[in-house]
Amino acid sequence: MVHLVDALLMAVIILNFIALGSSRIRSSVRVVGYQGVILGTLPLIVHHSVTWRGVVIAMAAVLLKGLVIPKMLEASLHPARAPREARPFVGFISSLLLGAVGTGLALLFAQTLPLAEAHTGLLLVPASLSNVMTGFWILTTRRTAIAHVLGILVLENGVFTFGLLLLDAMPELVEAGVLLDVFVGVFLMGILLKHIDRELSEVDIAAEPMTILREE
């Protein structure tokens, strides 16, 4: 069971590198969706005792993180007209190198933590820290609004992964509330992007910028 959990967490870390090195927004959305599916199944594997409430939370995580939220973001790609992240503040190669360094430091840091014996052999802490750093990096170095939303989701995936260490002591309803908050935030972001696109589509700034400014 430990080997299965570590394999899934390693897949999550690899998906972080794909998100850091990809310029296609649609590919990054799918990466976040794949992460959501993997993380949604982990509560059923990490702990030996599985309750019906844990099954409900796992199903909700898979549906929201892996299906609903990615589909909403893909639906907002066309109105926002942002198929690629063309000019990030930090290049993709540099982002990959920094992501590799951050993941290595996370592995070293995890070895210094006084974890429970059941969690010492797992990659929960390195994977969670890798997600947090990846999400923060995407959030601060990318230019498009959808990429910022993806950064928030990857960061929240890291918090969710770290919460698996405290699943016995943490009520599942708290995690459900976090998932619902993310769902509402992405939903509102989609509405905002569509509204901005609708307003700006009527203004051709490139055609007559000075004339528009004089009229204002």
N, C-alpha and C. Protein backbone atom coordinates (compact mmCIF):
# COMPACT_ATOMS: atom_id res chain seq x y z
N MET A 1 0.82 -1.21 0.00
CA MET A 1 0.00 0.00 0.00
C MET A 1 0.86 1.26 0.00
N VAL A 2 1.99 1.20 0.75
CA VAL A 2 2.89 2.35 0.79
C VAL A 2 3.45 2.63 -0.59
N HIS A 3 3.80 1.59 -1.31
CA HIS A 3 4.37 1.77 -2.65
C HIS A 3 3.34 2.38 -3.60
N LEU A 4 2.08 2.00 -3.46
CA LEU A 4 1.03 2.57 -4.31
C LEU A 4 0.85 4.05 -4.03
N VAL A 5 0.83 4.42 -2.74
CA VAL A 5 0.68 5.84 -2.38
C VAL A 5 1.85 6.65 -2.89
N ASP A 6 3.07 6.14 -2.72
CA ASP A 6 4.25 6.87 -3.20
C ASP A 6 4.24 7.00 -4.72
N ALA A 7 3.77 5.97 -5.42
CA ALA A 7 3.70 6.05 -6.88
C ALA A 7 2.71 7.13 -7.32
N LEU A 8 1.57 7.21 -6.64
CA LEU A 8 0.58 8.24 -6.98
C LEU A 8 1.12 9.64 -6.66
N LEU A 9 1.80 9.76 -5.51
CA LEU A 9 2.36 11.07 -5.15
C LEU A 9 3.50 11.46 -6.10
N MET A 10 4.26 10.50 -6.57
CA MET A 10 5.29 10.80 -7.56
C MET A 10 4.66 11.29 -8.86
N ALA A 11 3.52 10.70 -9.22
CA ALA A 11 2.80 11.17 -10.41
C ALA A 11 2.34 12.61 -10.22
N VAL A 12 1.92 12.96 -9.01
CA VAL A 12 1.51 14.34 -8.72
C VAL A 12 2.69 15.29 -8.90
N ILE A 13 3.87 14.88 -8.42
CA ILE A 13 5.06 15.73 -8.55
C ILE A 13 5.44 15.89 -10.02
N ILE A 14 5.36 14.81 -10.79
CA ILE A 14 5.67 14.90 -12.22
C ILE A 14 4.70 15.84 -12.92
N LEU A 15 3.43 15.78 -12.54
CA LEU A 15 2.45 16.70 -13.12
C LEU A 15 2.77 18.16 -12.78
N ASN A 16 3.38 18.39 -11.62
CA ASN A 16 3.82 19.75 -11.30
C ASN A 16 4.86 20.25 -12.29
N PHE A 17 5.80 19.38 -12.65
CA PHE A 17 6.82 19.77 -13.63
C PHE A 17 6.20 20.03 -15.00
N ILE A 18 5.21 19.24 -15.36
CA ILE A 18 4.53 19.46 -16.65
C ILE A 18 3.83 20.82 -16.64
N ALA A 19 3.19 21.16 -15.53
CA ALA A 19 2.52 22.46 -15.42
C ALA A 19 3.52 23.60 -15.49
N LEU A 20 4.70 23.43 -14.88
CA LEU A 20 5.71 24.49 -14.91
C LEU A 20 6.31 24.68 -16.30
N GLY A 21 6.44 23.59 -17.06
CA GLY A 21 7.11 23.68 -18.35
C GLY A 21 6.19 23.84 -19.53
N SER A 22 4.89 23.84 -19.33
CA SER A 22 3.95 23.90 -20.44
C SER A 22 3.51 25.34 -20.70
N SER A 23 3.51 25.72 -21.96
CA SER A 23 3.02 27.05 -22.33
C SER A 23 1.55 27.02 -22.73
N ARG A 24 0.98 25.84 -22.90
CA ARG A 24 -0.42 25.71 -23.30
C ARG A 24 -1.31 25.71 -22.06
N ILE A 25 -2.21 26.67 -22.01
CA ILE A 25 -3.12 26.77 -20.87
C ILE A 25 -4.01 25.54 -20.79
N ARG A 26 -4.48 25.07 -21.93
CA ARG A 26 -5.37 23.90 -21.91
C ARG A 26 -4.66 22.67 -21.34
N SER A 27 -3.39 22.49 -21.67
CA SER A 27 -2.64 21.37 -21.10
C SER A 27 -2.49 21.52 -19.59
N SER A 28 -2.26 22.73 -19.13
CA SER A 28 -2.14 22.96 -17.69
C SER A 28 -3.45 22.68 -16.98
N VAL A 29 -4.56 23.03 -17.62
CA VAL A 29 -5.87 22.72 -17.03
C VAL A 29 -6.04 21.22 -16.87
N ARG A 30 -5.64 20.46 -17.88
CA ARG A 30 -5.75 19.00 -17.79
C ARG A 30 -4.82 18.45 -16.72
N VAL A 31 -3.65 19.05 -16.56
CA VAL A 31 -2.74 18.61 -15.50
C VAL A 31 -3.40 18.77 -14.14
N VAL A 32 -4.03 19.91 -13.92
CA VAL A 32 -4.72 20.14 -12.65
C VAL A 32 -5.85 19.13 -12.46
N GLY A 33 -6.54 18.80 -13.55
CA GLY A 33 -7.59 17.80 -13.46
C GLY A 33 -7.06 16.43 -13.09
N TYR A 34 -5.94 16.04 -13.69
CA TYR A 34 -5.33 14.75 -13.36
C TYR A 34 -4.89 14.71 -11.90
N GLN A 35 -4.33 15.82 -11.44
CA GLN A 35 -3.95 15.89 -10.03
C GLN A 35 -5.16 15.73 -9.13
N GLY A 36 -6.27 16.35 -9.51
CA GLY A 36 -7.47 16.24 -8.70
C GLY A 36 -7.97 14.82 -8.59
N VAL A 37 -7.91 14.07 -9.69
CA VAL A 37 -8.35 12.68 -9.66
C VAL A 37 -7.44 11.85 -8.74
N ILE A 38 -6.13 12.06 -8.86
CA ILE A 38 -5.19 11.30 -8.02
C ILE A 38 -5.38 11.63 -6.55
N LEU A 39 -5.45 12.93 -6.24
CA LEU A 39 -5.57 13.33 -4.84
C LEU A 39 -6.92 12.93 -4.26
N GLY A 40 -7.94 12.89 -5.10
CA GLY A 40 -9.25 12.48 -4.60
C GLY A 40 -9.30 11.03 -4.15
N THR A 41 -8.48 10.19 -4.76
CA THR A 41 -8.45 8.78 -4.38
C THR A 41 -7.53 8.49 -3.20
N LEU A 42 -6.63 9.41 -2.87
CA LEU A 42 -5.67 9.14 -1.80
C LEU A 42 -6.30 8.95 -0.43
N PRO A 43 -7.36 9.68 -0.04
CA PRO A 43 -7.94 9.43 1.29
C PRO A 43 -8.40 8.00 1.49
N LEU A 44 -8.75 7.32 0.42
CA LEU A 44 -9.20 5.93 0.54
C LEU A 44 -8.03 4.95 0.64
N ILE A 45 -6.83 5.41 0.32
CA ILE A 45 -5.66 4.52 0.28
C ILE A 45 -4.72 4.76 1.45
N VAL A 46 -4.57 6.04 1.84
CA VAL A 46 -3.60 6.38 2.89
C VAL A 46 -3.98 5.74 4.21
N HIS A 47 -5.27 5.81 4.57
CA HIS A 47 -5.71 5.30 5.87
C HIS A 47 -6.40 3.94 5.69
N HIS A 48 -6.15 3.08 6.66
CA HIS A 48 -6.68 1.73 6.56
C HIS A 48 -8.19 1.69 6.79
N SER A 49 -8.68 2.49 7.73
CA SER A 49 -10.11 2.49 8.02
C SER A 49 -10.81 3.49 7.11
N VAL A 50 -11.75 3.00 6.33
CA VAL A 50 -12.49 3.82 5.39
C VAL A 50 -13.95 3.87 5.83
N THR A 51 -14.45 5.08 6.07
CA THR A 51 -15.84 5.27 6.47
C THR A 51 -16.65 5.75 5.28
N TRP A 52 -17.95 5.71 5.41
CA TRP A 52 -18.80 6.18 4.32
C TRP A 52 -18.61 7.67 4.09
N ARG A 53 -18.31 8.42 5.17
CA ARG A 53 -18.08 9.86 5.01
C ARG A 53 -16.80 10.12 4.24
N GLY A 54 -15.77 9.30 4.50
CA GLY A 54 -14.54 9.44 3.73
C GLY A 54 -14.74 9.13 2.26
N VAL A 55 -15.60 8.15 1.97
CA VAL A 55 -15.90 7.82 0.58
C VAL A 55 -16.61 8.99 -0.10
N VAL A 56 -17.52 9.63 0.61
CA VAL A 56 -18.24 10.77 0.04
C VAL A 56 -17.28 11.92 -0.25
N ILE A 57 -16.36 12.17 0.70
CA ILE A 57 -15.39 13.25 0.50
C ILE A 57 -14.48 12.93 -0.68
N ALA A 58 -14.06 11.68 -0.79
CA ALA A 58 -13.19 11.29 -1.91
C ALA A 58 -13.92 11.46 -3.24
N MET A 59 -15.17 11.04 -3.30
CA MET A 59 -15.94 11.20 -4.53
C MET A 59 -16.14 12.67 -4.87
N ALA A 60 -16.40 13.49 -3.84
CA ALA A 60 -16.57 14.92 -4.08
C ALA A 60 -15.27 15.55 -4.58
N ALA A 61 -14.14 15.11 -4.02
CA ALA A 61 -12.85 15.64 -4.46
C ALA A 61 -12.57 15.28 -5.91
N VAL A 62 -12.85 14.02 -6.28
CA VAL A 62 -12.61 13.60 -7.66
C VAL A 62 -13.51 14.38 -8.61
N LEU A 63 -14.78 14.53 -8.26
CA LEU A 63 -15.72 15.22 -9.14
C LEU A 63 -15.37 16.70 -9.30
N LEU A 64 -15.10 17.36 -8.16
CA LEU A 64 -14.85 18.81 -8.23
C LEU A 64 -13.46 19.11 -8.77
N LYS A 65 -12.44 18.46 -8.20
CA LYS A 65 -11.07 18.76 -8.60
C LYS A 65 -10.73 18.19 -9.98
N GLY A 66 -11.25 16.98 -10.28
CA GLY A 66 -10.85 16.32 -11.50
C GLY A 66 -11.75 16.53 -12.69
N LEU A 67 -13.02 16.90 -12.46
CA LEU A 67 -13.96 17.00 -13.57
C LEU A 67 -14.61 18.38 -13.68
N VAL A 68 -15.29 18.80 -12.63
CA VAL A 68 -16.12 20.02 -12.71
C VAL A 68 -15.26 21.26 -12.93
N ILE A 69 -14.26 21.45 -12.07
CA ILE A 69 -13.44 22.66 -12.16
C ILE A 69 -12.64 22.70 -13.46
N PRO A 70 -11.97 21.62 -13.89
CA PRO A 70 -11.28 21.68 -15.19
C PRO A 70 -12.22 21.95 -16.36
N LYS A 71 -13.42 21.38 -16.34
CA LYS A 71 -14.37 21.64 -17.42
C LYS A 71 -14.79 23.11 -17.44
N MET A 72 -14.97 23.71 -16.28
CA MET A 72 -15.31 25.13 -16.21
C MET A 72 -14.18 25.99 -16.76
N LEU A 73 -12.94 25.62 -16.42
CA LEU A 73 -11.82 26.40 -16.90
C LEU A 73 -11.64 26.24 -18.41
N GLU A 74 -11.84 25.03 -18.92
CA GLU A 74 -11.75 24.83 -20.37
C GLU A 74 -12.84 25.61 -21.09
N ALA A 75 -14.01 25.72 -20.47
CA ALA A 75 -15.09 26.49 -21.08
C ALA A 75 -14.77 27.98 -21.13
N SER A 76 -13.94 28.45 -20.20
CA SER A 76 -13.59 29.87 -20.17
C SER A 76 -12.38 30.20 -21.03
N LEU A 77 -11.73 29.19 -21.62
CA LEU A 77 -10.56 29.46 -22.44
C LEU A 77 -10.91 30.22 -23.70
N HIS A 78 -11.97 29.85 -24.39
CA HIS A 78 -12.31 30.52 -25.65
C HIS A 78 -12.73 31.97 -25.43
N PRO A 79 -13.62 32.28 -24.47
CA PRO A 79 -13.95 33.69 -24.27
C PRO A 79 -12.76 34.54 -23.86
N ALA A 80 -11.87 33.98 -23.05
CA ALA A 80 -10.72 34.77 -22.59
C ALA A 80 -9.64 34.87 -23.65
N ARG A 81 -9.70 34.03 -24.70
CA ARG A 81 -8.72 34.05 -25.79
C ARG A 81 -7.29 33.94 -25.25
N ALA A 82 -7.04 32.95 -24.43
CA ALA A 82 -5.70 32.77 -23.86
C ALA A 82 -5.27 31.31 -23.99
N PRO A 83 -5.05 30.83 -25.23
CA PRO A 83 -4.65 29.43 -25.39
C PRO A 83 -3.23 29.15 -24.94
N ARG A 84 -2.38 30.17 -24.88
CA ARG A 84 -0.98 29.98 -24.49
C ARG A 84 -0.56 31.04 -23.50
N GLU A 85 0.44 30.68 -22.69
CA GLU A 85 1.13 31.64 -21.83
C GLU A 85 2.42 32.00 -22.56
N ALA A 86 2.35 33.07 -23.38
CA ALA A 86 3.43 33.36 -24.31
C ALA A 86 4.63 34.02 -23.62
N ARG A 87 4.39 34.91 -22.69
CA ARG A 87 5.48 35.69 -22.10
C ARG A 87 5.39 35.70 -20.58
N PRO A 88 5.72 34.61 -19.92
CA PRO A 88 5.73 34.63 -18.46
C PRO A 88 6.86 35.50 -17.95
N PHE A 89 6.75 35.95 -16.72
CA PHE A 89 7.80 36.78 -16.13
C PHE A 89 9.10 36.00 -15.97
N VAL A 90 9.00 34.69 -15.75
CA VAL A 90 10.17 33.81 -15.67
C VAL A 90 9.97 32.70 -16.70
N GLY A 91 11.02 32.40 -17.47
CA GLY A 91 10.92 31.43 -18.54
C GLY A 91 10.57 30.04 -18.06
N PHE A 92 10.12 29.21 -19.00
CA PHE A 92 9.68 27.87 -18.64
C PHE A 92 10.85 26.99 -18.21
N ILE A 93 12.00 27.12 -18.87
CA ILE A 93 13.17 26.31 -18.48
C ILE A 93 13.62 26.69 -17.07
N SER A 94 13.67 27.99 -16.79
CA SER A 94 14.05 28.43 -15.45
C SER A 94 13.05 27.96 -14.41
N SER A 95 11.77 27.97 -14.77
CA SER A 95 10.75 27.49 -13.84
C SER A 95 10.93 26.01 -13.53
N LEU A 96 11.27 25.22 -14.57
CA LEU A 96 11.51 23.79 -14.34
C LEU A 96 12.71 23.56 -13.43
N LEU A 97 13.78 24.32 -13.65
CA LEU A 97 14.97 24.16 -12.81
C LEU A 97 14.68 24.54 -11.36
N LEU A 98 13.98 25.65 -11.18
CA LEU A 98 13.64 26.06 -9.82
C LEU A 98 12.67 25.08 -9.17
N GLY A 99 11.76 24.51 -9.98
CA GLY A 99 10.85 23.51 -9.44
C GLY A 99 11.60 22.26 -8.99
N ALA A 100 12.63 21.86 -9.76
CA ALA A 100 13.43 20.70 -9.37
C ALA A 100 14.20 20.97 -8.08
N VAL A 101 14.76 22.17 -7.97
CA VAL A 101 15.49 22.53 -6.74
C VAL A 101 14.53 22.55 -5.55
N GLY A 102 13.35 23.14 -5.74
CA GLY A 102 12.38 23.20 -4.65
C GLY A 102 11.91 21.82 -4.22
N THR A 103 11.70 20.92 -5.18
CA THR A 103 11.29 19.56 -4.82
C THR A 103 12.39 18.83 -4.07
N GLY A 104 13.64 19.03 -4.48
CA GLY A 104 14.75 18.42 -3.75
C GLY A 104 14.84 18.94 -2.33
N LEU A 105 14.67 20.24 -2.14
CA LEU A 105 14.68 20.80 -0.79
C LEU A 105 13.51 20.29 0.04
N ALA A 106 12.36 20.08 -0.61
CA ALA A 106 11.21 19.53 0.11
C ALA A 106 11.49 18.12 0.60
N LEU A 107 12.18 17.32 -0.23
CA LEU A 107 12.54 15.96 0.19
C LEU A 107 13.48 15.98 1.40
N LEU A 108 14.44 16.91 1.38
CA LEU A 108 15.36 17.02 2.51
C LEU A 108 14.64 17.53 3.76
N PHE A 109 13.76 18.49 3.59
CA PHE A 109 13.05 19.05 4.73
C PHE A 109 12.12 18.03 5.37
N ALA A 110 11.50 17.18 4.55
CA ALA A 110 10.57 16.18 5.09
C ALA A 110 11.28 15.19 6.01
N GLN A 111 12.56 14.94 5.76
CA GLN A 111 13.29 14.00 6.60
C GLN A 111 13.58 14.55 7.98
N THR A 112 13.48 15.87 8.16
CA THR A 112 13.75 16.47 9.47
C THR A 112 12.49 16.62 10.32
N LEU A 113 11.32 16.32 9.78
CA LEU A 113 10.08 16.51 10.52
C LEU A 113 9.79 15.29 11.40
N PRO A 114 9.26 15.53 12.60
CA PRO A 114 8.89 14.41 13.49
C PRO A 114 7.53 13.83 13.10
N LEU A 115 7.49 13.08 12.02
CA LEU A 115 6.24 12.53 11.54
C LEU A 115 5.90 11.23 12.27
N ALA A 116 4.61 10.89 12.22
CA ALA A 116 4.18 9.62 12.79
C ALA A 116 4.80 8.47 12.00
N GLU A 117 4.93 7.34 12.67
CA GLU A 117 5.60 6.19 12.03
C GLU A 117 4.88 5.74 10.77
N ALA A 118 3.57 5.90 10.74
CA ALA A 118 2.79 5.48 9.57
C ALA A 118 3.04 6.35 8.35
N HIS A 119 3.61 7.56 8.57
CA HIS A 119 3.79 8.51 7.48
C HIS A 119 5.25 8.75 7.12
N THR A 120 6.17 8.12 7.84
CA THR A 120 7.59 8.40 7.59
C THR A 120 8.05 7.91 6.23
N GLY A 121 7.44 6.85 5.71
CA GLY A 121 7.87 6.31 4.43
C GLY A 121 7.11 6.85 3.24
N LEU A 122 6.22 7.80 3.47
CA LEU A 122 5.39 8.33 2.40
C LEU A 122 5.94 9.65 1.88
N LEU A 123 5.52 10.00 0.67
CA LEU A 123 5.93 11.27 0.05
C LEU A 123 4.88 12.35 0.24
N LEU A 124 4.06 12.24 1.28
CA LEU A 124 2.99 13.22 1.48
C LEU A 124 3.54 14.62 1.68
N VAL A 125 4.53 14.76 2.56
CA VAL A 125 5.08 16.10 2.83
C VAL A 125 5.83 16.65 1.62
N PRO A 126 6.76 15.91 0.99
CA PRO A 126 7.41 16.46 -0.21
C PRO A 126 6.44 16.81 -1.32
N ALA A 127 5.43 15.96 -1.55
CA ALA A 127 4.46 16.24 -2.61
C ALA A 127 3.63 17.47 -2.28
N SER A 128 3.23 17.61 -1.02
CA SER A 128 2.43 18.78 -0.64
C SER A 128 3.24 20.06 -0.77
N LEU A 129 4.50 20.04 -0.32
CA LEU A 129 5.35 21.23 -0.45
C LEU A 129 5.64 21.54 -1.91
N SER A 130 5.83 20.50 -2.71
CA SER A 130 6.05 20.71 -4.14
C SER A 130 4.84 21.39 -4.78
N ASN A 131 3.64 20.95 -4.41
CA ASN A 131 2.43 21.57 -4.95
C ASN A 131 2.31 23.02 -4.52
N VAL A 132 2.59 23.27 -3.25
CA VAL A 132 2.48 24.65 -2.75
C VAL A 132 3.46 25.56 -3.48
N MET A 133 4.70 25.12 -3.63
CA MET A 133 5.69 25.94 -4.32
C MET A 133 5.35 26.11 -5.80
N THR A 134 4.89 25.03 -6.43
CA THR A 134 4.51 25.12 -7.84
C THR A 134 3.35 26.06 -8.04
N GLY A 135 2.32 25.93 -7.21
CA GLY A 135 1.17 26.82 -7.32
C GLY A 135 1.54 28.28 -7.09
N PHE A 136 2.38 28.53 -6.07
CA PHE A 136 2.81 29.90 -5.81
C PHE A 136 3.63 30.45 -6.96
N TRP A 137 4.47 29.61 -7.56
CA TRP A 137 5.31 30.05 -8.67
C TRP A 137 4.46 30.38 -9.89
N ILE A 138 3.50 29.53 -10.20
CA ILE A 138 2.61 29.82 -11.33
C ILE A 138 1.80 31.08 -11.07
N LEU A 139 1.35 31.24 -9.85
CA LEU A 139 0.53 32.39 -9.50
C LEU A 139 1.29 33.71 -9.63
N THR A 140 2.59 33.69 -9.35
CA THR A 140 3.35 34.94 -9.33
C THR A 140 4.13 35.22 -10.61
N THR A 141 4.32 34.22 -11.47
CA THR A 141 5.16 34.43 -12.65
C THR A 141 4.39 34.39 -13.97
N ARG A 142 3.15 33.96 -13.98
CA ARG A 142 2.37 33.92 -15.21
C ARG A 142 1.53 35.17 -15.33
N ARG A 143 1.16 35.50 -16.55
CA ARG A 143 0.48 36.76 -16.83
C ARG A 143 -1.04 36.63 -16.96
N THR A 144 -1.52 35.51 -17.47
CA THR A 144 -2.95 35.38 -17.76
C THR A 144 -3.73 35.07 -16.50
N ALA A 145 -5.00 35.50 -16.50
CA ALA A 145 -5.84 35.29 -15.33
C ALA A 145 -6.14 33.81 -15.10
N ILE A 146 -6.32 33.06 -16.19
CA ILE A 146 -6.60 31.63 -16.04
C ILE A 146 -5.40 30.91 -15.43
N ALA A 147 -4.19 31.31 -15.81
CA ALA A 147 -3.00 30.71 -15.20
C ALA A 147 -2.95 31.00 -13.70
N HIS A 148 -3.39 32.18 -13.30
CA HIS A 148 -3.44 32.51 -11.87
C HIS A 148 -4.42 31.60 -11.14
N VAL A 149 -5.56 31.35 -11.76
CA VAL A 149 -6.53 30.43 -11.16
C VAL A 149 -5.91 29.04 -11.03
N LEU A 150 -5.20 28.60 -12.05
CA LEU A 150 -4.54 27.29 -11.99
C LEU A 150 -3.51 27.26 -10.87
N GLY A 151 -2.78 28.35 -10.68
CA GLY A 151 -1.81 28.41 -9.59
C GLY A 151 -2.48 28.26 -8.23
N ILE A 152 -3.63 28.91 -8.06
CA ILE A 152 -4.36 28.78 -6.80
C ILE A 152 -4.81 27.33 -6.58
N LEU A 153 -5.28 26.69 -7.65
CA LEU A 153 -5.76 25.31 -7.53
C LEU A 153 -4.61 24.35 -7.20
N VAL A 154 -3.46 24.53 -7.84
CA VAL A 154 -2.31 23.67 -7.54
C VAL A 154 -1.85 23.90 -6.10
N LEU A 155 -1.85 25.14 -5.65
CA LEU A 155 -1.48 25.44 -4.26
C LEU A 155 -2.45 24.78 -3.30
N GLU A 156 -3.75 24.84 -3.61
CA GLU A 156 -4.75 24.21 -2.75
C GLU A 156 -4.60 22.69 -2.75
N ASN A 157 -4.16 22.13 -3.89
CA ASN A 157 -3.88 20.70 -3.92
C ASN A 157 -2.78 20.33 -2.93
N GLY A 158 -1.79 21.22 -2.79
CA GLY A 158 -0.75 20.97 -1.80
C GLY A 158 -1.27 21.00 -0.38
N VAL A 159 -2.15 21.95 -0.09
CA VAL A 159 -2.76 22.01 1.24
C VAL A 159 -3.60 20.76 1.49
N PHE A 160 -4.33 20.33 0.48
CA PHE A 160 -5.14 19.12 0.60
C PHE A 160 -4.26 17.90 0.86
N THR A 161 -3.13 17.81 0.16
CA THR A 161 -2.22 16.68 0.35
C THR A 161 -1.65 16.66 1.77
N PHE A 162 -1.25 17.82 2.27
CA PHE A 162 -0.72 17.89 3.63
C PHE A 162 -1.80 17.55 4.65
N GLY A 163 -3.05 17.90 4.34
CA GLY A 163 -4.14 17.57 5.25
C GLY A 163 -4.38 16.08 5.41
N LEU A 164 -3.89 15.28 4.47
CA LEU A 164 -4.04 13.83 4.60
C LEU A 164 -3.26 13.29 5.80
N LEU A 165 -2.23 14.03 6.22
CA LEU A 165 -1.50 13.62 7.42
C LEU A 165 -2.36 13.73 8.67
N LEU A 166 -3.34 14.63 8.63
CA LEU A 166 -4.18 14.90 9.80
C LEU A 166 -5.62 14.47 9.56
N LEU A 167 -5.80 13.52 8.67
CA LEU A 167 -7.16 13.14 8.30
C LEU A 167 -7.93 12.56 9.47
N ASP A 168 -7.25 11.86 10.37
CA ASP A 168 -7.94 11.28 11.52
C ASP A 168 -8.39 12.35 12.51
N ALA A 169 -7.57 13.40 12.67
CA ALA A 169 -7.91 14.44 13.63
C ALA A 169 -8.72 15.57 13.03
N MET A 170 -8.70 15.72 11.71
CA MET A 170 -9.40 16.83 11.05
C MET A 170 -10.77 16.36 10.56
N PRO A 171 -11.82 17.05 10.91
CA PRO A 171 -13.15 16.66 10.40
C PRO A 171 -13.21 16.77 8.89
N GLU A 172 -13.86 15.79 8.26
CA GLU A 172 -13.94 15.79 6.80
C GLU A 172 -14.74 16.98 6.28
N LEU A 173 -15.65 17.50 7.10
CA LEU A 173 -16.44 18.63 6.64
C LEU A 173 -15.58 19.87 6.40
N VAL A 174 -14.46 19.98 7.10
CA VAL A 174 -13.56 21.11 6.87
C VAL A 174 -12.97 21.02 5.47
N GLU A 175 -12.53 19.81 5.07
CA GLU A 175 -11.99 19.64 3.73
C GLU A 175 -13.08 19.85 2.68
N ALA A 176 -14.30 19.41 2.98
CA ALA A 176 -15.39 19.66 2.04
C ALA A 176 -15.64 21.15 1.88
N GLY A 177 -15.52 21.90 2.98
CA GLY A 177 -15.69 23.35 2.89
C GLY A 177 -14.61 23.99 2.03
N VAL A 178 -13.36 23.49 2.14
CA VAL A 178 -12.28 24.02 1.29
C VAL A 178 -12.57 23.75 -0.18
N LEU A 179 -13.02 22.56 -0.48
CA LEU A 179 -13.33 22.22 -1.87
C LEU A 179 -14.46 23.09 -2.41
N LEU A 180 -15.46 23.34 -1.59
CA LEU A 180 -16.57 24.18 -2.04
C LEU A 180 -16.11 25.62 -2.24
N ASP A 181 -15.20 26.09 -1.37
CA ASP A 181 -14.67 27.44 -1.54
C ASP A 181 -13.93 27.56 -2.86
N VAL A 182 -13.12 26.56 -3.19
CA VAL A 182 -12.41 26.58 -4.47
C VAL A 182 -13.40 26.54 -5.63
N PHE A 183 -14.42 25.72 -5.51
CA PHE A 183 -15.43 25.62 -6.57
C PHE A 183 -16.10 26.97 -6.80
N VAL A 184 -16.50 27.63 -5.71
CA VAL A 184 -17.16 28.93 -5.84
C VAL A 184 -16.20 29.96 -6.41
N GLY A 185 -14.93 29.93 -5.95
CA GLY A 185 -13.96 30.91 -6.46
C GLY A 185 -13.72 30.77 -7.95
N VAL A 186 -13.56 29.55 -8.43
CA VAL A 186 -13.35 29.33 -9.86
C VAL A 186 -14.61 29.70 -10.64
N PHE A 187 -15.76 29.40 -10.09
CA PHE A 187 -17.02 29.75 -10.76
C PHE A 187 -17.13 31.26 -10.92
N LEU A 188 -16.81 32.00 -9.85
CA LEU A 188 -16.87 33.46 -9.94
C LEU A 188 -15.80 34.00 -10.89
N MET A 189 -14.63 33.36 -10.92
CA MET A 189 -13.59 33.80 -11.84
C MET A 189 -14.03 33.60 -13.29
N GLY A 190 -14.71 32.50 -13.57
CA GLY A 190 -15.22 32.28 -14.92
C GLY A 190 -16.23 33.34 -15.33
N ILE A 191 -17.13 33.70 -14.40
CA ILE A 191 -18.09 34.76 -14.69
C ILE A 191 -17.38 36.08 -14.93
N LEU A 192 -16.34 36.36 -14.13
CA LEU A 192 -15.61 37.62 -14.28
C LEU A 192 -14.90 37.68 -15.62
N LEU A 193 -14.27 36.58 -16.03
CA LEU A 193 -13.57 36.57 -17.31
C LEU A 193 -14.54 36.79 -18.46
N LYS A 194 -15.69 36.16 -18.41
CA LYS A 194 -16.67 36.34 -19.48
C LYS A 194 -17.20 37.77 -19.51
N HIS A 195 -17.38 38.35 -18.33
CA HIS A 195 -17.86 39.72 -18.27
C HIS A 195 -16.83 40.70 -18.83
N ILE A 196 -15.55 40.50 -18.45
CA ILE A 196 -14.49 41.38 -18.96
C ILE A 196 -14.37 41.24 -20.47
N ASP A 197 -14.42 40.01 -20.96
CA ASP A 197 -14.32 39.81 -22.40
C ASP A 197 -15.49 40.47 -23.13
N ARG A 198 -16.69 40.38 -22.56
CA ARG A 198 -17.85 40.99 -23.19
C ARG A 198 -17.71 42.51 -23.25
N GLU A 199 -17.14 43.10 -22.21
CA GLU A 199 -16.99 44.56 -22.19
C GLU A 199 -15.89 45.02 -23.14
N LEU A 200 -14.74 44.30 -23.14
CA LEU A 200 -13.61 44.75 -23.94
C LEU A 200 -13.76 44.41 -25.41
N SER A 201 -14.61 43.45 -25.74
CA SER A 201 -14.77 43.08 -27.14
C SER A 201 -15.39 44.19 -27.96
N GLU A 202 -16.04 45.14 -27.32
CA GLU A 202 -16.67 46.24 -28.03
C GLU A 202 -15.71 47.41 -28.26
N VAL A 203 -14.50 47.33 -27.70
CA VAL A 203 -13.54 48.43 -27.79
C VAL A 203 -12.31 47.94 -28.54
N ASP A 204 -11.97 48.61 -29.63
CA ASP A 204 -10.77 48.28 -30.40
C ASP A 204 -9.68 49.26 -30.03
N ILE A 205 -8.91 48.92 -28.99
CA ILE A 205 -7.89 49.83 -28.49
C ILE A 205 -6.75 49.95 -29.49
N ALA A 206 -6.43 48.88 -30.18
CA ALA A 206 -5.30 48.91 -31.12
C ALA A 206 -5.59 49.78 -32.33
N ALA A 207 -6.86 49.95 -32.69
CA ALA A 207 -7.18 50.71 -33.89
C ALA A 207 -6.99 52.20 -33.67
N GLU A 208 -7.61 52.75 -32.64
CA GLU A 208 -7.54 54.18 -32.41
C GLU A 208 -7.36 54.45 -30.91
N PRO A 209 -6.19 54.15 -30.35
CA PRO A 209 -6.02 54.30 -28.91
C PRO A 209 -6.10 55.73 -28.44
N MET A 210 -5.49 56.68 -29.17
CA MET A 210 -5.50 58.06 -28.74
C MET A 210 -6.90 58.67 -28.84
N THR A 211 -7.65 58.27 -29.86
CA THR A 211 -9.00 58.78 -29.99
C THR A 211 -9.87 58.34 -28.82
N ILE A 212 -9.71 57.08 -28.41
CA ILE A 212 -10.48 56.59 -27.27
C ILE A 212 -10.13 57.32 -26.00
N LEU A 213 -8.81 57.58 -25.81
CA LEU A 213 -8.39 58.28 -24.61
C LEU A 213 -8.91 59.72 -24.60
N ARG A 214 -8.94 60.37 -25.76
CA ARG A 214 -9.46 61.75 -25.81
C ARG A 214 -10.94 61.77 -25.50
N GLU A 215 -11.67 60.76 -25.96
CA GLU A 215 -13.10 60.71 -25.69
C GLU A 215 -13.38 60.49 -24.22
N GLU A 216 -12.49 59.74 -23.53
CA GLU A 216 -12.66 59.52 -22.11
C GLU A 216 -12.45 60.82 -21.35
